[in-house]
């Protein structure tokens, strides 16, 4: 019986490399960067009237929703539209 060590070694070496790549990618996927100020924004108001403050709150929420989702379509979702109409 003749065993070819070369082909056995190459096959196992490729398996080892594949496992190592999967593990390294898995470790990378599990890491996330911390983003500061993601949920913070500033909207200027010229007066402190309740109506203007309400409008500024809605504008700020729109900015944050766009920033977090990355898609403008989020503002067309019915539940979000309704929530923005009557923020508390």
C-alpha atoms as a PDB file:
ATOM      1  CA  UNK A   1       0.000   0.000   0.000  1.00  0.00           C
ATOM      2  CA  UNK A   2       1.403   3.328  -1.060  1.00  0.00           C
ATOM      3  CA  UNK A   3       0.324   6.530   0.675  1.00  0.00           C
ATOM      4  CA  UNK A   4       0.983   9.786  -1.065  1.00  0.00           C
ATOM      5  CA  UNK A   5       1.835  12.165   1.721  1.00  0.00           C
ATOM      6  CA  UNK A   6       2.065  15.143  -0.609  1.00  0.00           C
ATOM      7  CA  UNK A   7      -1.608  15.150  -1.645  1.00  0.00           C
ATOM      8  CA  UNK A   8      -2.772  14.368   1.903  1.00  0.00           C
ATOM      9  CA  UNK A   9      -0.706  17.225   3.282  1.00  0.00           C
ATOM     10  CA  UNK A  10      -1.916  19.690   0.651  1.00  0.00           C
ATOM     11  CA  UNK A  11      -5.563  18.793   1.237  1.00  0.00           C
ATOM     12  CA  UNK A  12      -5.235  19.180   5.001  1.00  0.00           C
ATOM     13  CA  UNK A  13      -3.212  22.356   4.608  1.00  0.00           C
ATOM     14  CA  UNK A  14      -6.003  23.884   2.515  1.00  0.00           C
ATOM     15  CA  UNK A  15      -8.548  22.823   5.099  1.00  0.00           C
ATOM     16  CA  UNK A  16      -6.486  24.415   7.844  1.00  0.00           C
ATOM     17  CA  UNK A  17      -6.159  27.623   5.845  1.00  0.00           C
ATOM     18  CA  UNK A  18      -9.904  27.652   5.176  1.00  0.00           C
ATOM     19  CA  UNK A  19     -10.706  27.155   8.865  1.00  0.00           C
ATOM     20  CA  UNK A  20      -8.264  29.905   9.804  1.00  0.00           C
ATOM     21  CA  UNK A  21      -9.863  32.317   7.307  1.00  0.00           C
ATOM     22  CA  UNK A  22     -13.356  31.541   8.568  1.00  0.00           C
ATOM     23  CA  UNK A  23     -12.278  32.120  12.156  1.00  0.00           C
ATOM     24  CA  UNK A  24     -10.563  35.391  11.308  1.00  0.00           C
ATOM     25  CA  UNK A  25     -13.572  36.648   9.365  1.00  0.00           C
ATOM     26  CA  UNK A  26     -15.878  35.637  12.186  1.00  0.00           C
ATOM     27  CA  UNK A  27     -13.814  37.611  14.636  1.00  0.00           C
ATOM     28  CA  UNK A  28     -13.873  40.652  12.350  1.00  0.00           C
ATOM     29  CA  UNK A  29     -17.628  40.435  11.877  1.00  0.00           C
ATOM     30  CA  UNK A  30     -18.147  40.429  15.622  1.00  0.00           C
ATOM     31  CA  UNK A  31     -16.378  43.743  16.116  1.00  0.00           C
ATOM     32  CA  UNK A  32     -18.165  47.060  15.682  1.00  0.00           C
ATOM     33  CA  UNK A  33     -16.971  50.609  15.836  1.00  0.00           C
ATOM     34  CA  UNK A  34     -18.507  52.866  18.426  1.00  0.00           C
ATOM     35  CA  UNK A  35     -20.167  55.862  16.831  1.00  0.00           C
ATOM     36  CA  UNK A  36     -20.561  58.847  19.088  1.00  0.00           C
ATOM     37  CA  UNK A  37     -23.345  61.327  18.547  1.00  0.00           C
ATOM     38  CA  UNK A  38     -25.426  58.979  16.422  1.00  0.00           C
ATOM     39  CA  UNK A  39     -28.606  59.860  18.285  1.00  0.00           C
ATOM     40  CA  UNK A  40     -27.791  63.529  18.789  1.00  0.00           C
ATOM     41  CA  UNK A  41     -28.632  66.486  16.576  1.00  0.00           C
ATOM     42  CA  UNK A  42     -29.206  70.205  16.856  1.00  0.00           C
ATOM     43  CA  UNK A  43     -32.043  72.201  15.332  1.00  0.00           C
ATOM     44  CA  UNK A  44     -32.113  75.960  15.851  1.00  0.00           C
ATOM     45  CA  UNK A  45     -35.235  77.794  16.921  1.00  0.00           C
ATOM     46  CA  UNK A  46     -35.674  81.552  16.848  1.00  0.00           C
ATOM     47  CA  UNK A  47     -38.280  81.618  19.634  1.00  0.00           C
ATOM     48  CA  UNK A  48     -39.268  79.311  22.447  1.00  0.00           C
ATOM     49  CA  UNK A  49     -42.885  79.021  21.319  1.00  0.00           C
ATOM     50  CA  UNK A  50     -44.407  75.556  21.721  1.00  0.00           C
ATOM     51  CA  UNK A  51     -45.221  75.369  18.006  1.00  0.00           C
ATOM     52  CA  UNK A  52     -41.677  76.165  16.931  1.00  0.00           C
ATOM     53  CA  UNK A  53     -40.198  73.771  19.484  1.00  0.00           C
ATOM     54  CA  UNK A  54     -42.582  71.056  18.253  1.00  0.00           C
ATOM     55  CA  UNK A  55     -41.513  71.656  14.640  1.00  0.00           C
ATOM     56  CA  UNK A  56     -37.846  71.553  15.685  1.00  0.00           C
ATOM     57  CA  UNK A  57     -38.407  68.269  17.539  1.00  0.00           C
ATOM     58  CA  UNK A  58     -39.971  66.727  14.428  1.00  0.00           C
ATOM     59  CA  UNK A  59     -37.102  67.987  12.238  1.00  0.00           C
ATOM     60  CA  UNK A  60     -34.555  66.568  14.686  1.00  0.00           C
ATOM     61  CA  UNK A  61     -36.290  63.182  14.773  1.00  0.00           C
ATOM     62  CA  UNK A  62     -36.309  63.075  10.965  1.00  0.00           C
ATOM     63  CA  UNK A  63     -32.564  63.776  10.884  1.00  0.00           C
ATOM     64  CA  UNK A  64     -31.841  61.026  13.399  1.00  0.00           C
ATOM     65  CA  UNK A  65     -34.076  58.486  11.643  1.00  0.00           C
ATOM     66  CA  UNK A  66     -32.316  59.185   8.352  1.00  0.00           C
ATOM     67  CA  UNK A  67     -28.882  58.946   9.948  1.00  0.00           C
ATOM     68  CA  UNK A  68     -29.567  55.693  11.774  1.00  0.00           C
ATOM     69  CA  UNK A  69     -31.386  53.926   8.940  1.00  0.00           C
ATOM     70  CA  UNK A  70     -29.374  55.354   6.068  1.00  0.00           C
ATOM     71  CA  UNK A  71     -32.495  55.345   3.893  1.00  0.00           C
ATOM     72  CA  UNK A  72     -34.955  58.122   3.165  1.00  0.00           C
ATOM     73  CA  UNK A  73     -37.739  55.585   2.675  1.00  0.00           C
ATOM     74  CA  UNK A  74     -37.925  55.228   6.455  1.00  0.00           C
ATOM     75  CA  UNK A  75     -39.803  58.535   6.595  1.00  0.00           C
ATOM     76  CA  UNK A  76     -42.582  57.113   4.396  1.00  0.00           C
ATOM     77  CA  UNK A  77     -43.469  54.281   6.779  1.00  0.00           C
ATOM     78  CA  UNK A  78     -46.997  54.901   8.034  1.00  0.00           C
ATOM     79  CA  UNK A  79     -46.241  54.254  11.702  1.00  0.00           C
ATOM     80  CA  UNK A  80     -43.280  56.631  11.621  1.00  0.00           C
ATOM     81  CA  UNK A  81     -45.286  59.304   9.813  1.00  0.00           C
ATOM     82  CA  UNK A  82     -47.998  59.044  12.461  1.00  0.00           C
ATOM     83  CA  UNK A  83     -45.477  59.190  15.298  1.00  0.00           C
ATOM     84  CA  UNK A  84     -43.859  62.295  13.809  1.00  0.00           C
ATOM     85  CA  UNK A  85     -47.244  64.007  13.520  1.00  0.00           C
ATOM     86  CA  UNK A  86     -47.819  63.743  17.282  1.00  0.00           C
ATOM     87  CA  UNK A  87     -44.503  63.528  19.128  1.00  0.00           C
ATOM     88  CA  UNK A  88     -44.588  63.680  22.900  1.00  0.00           C
END
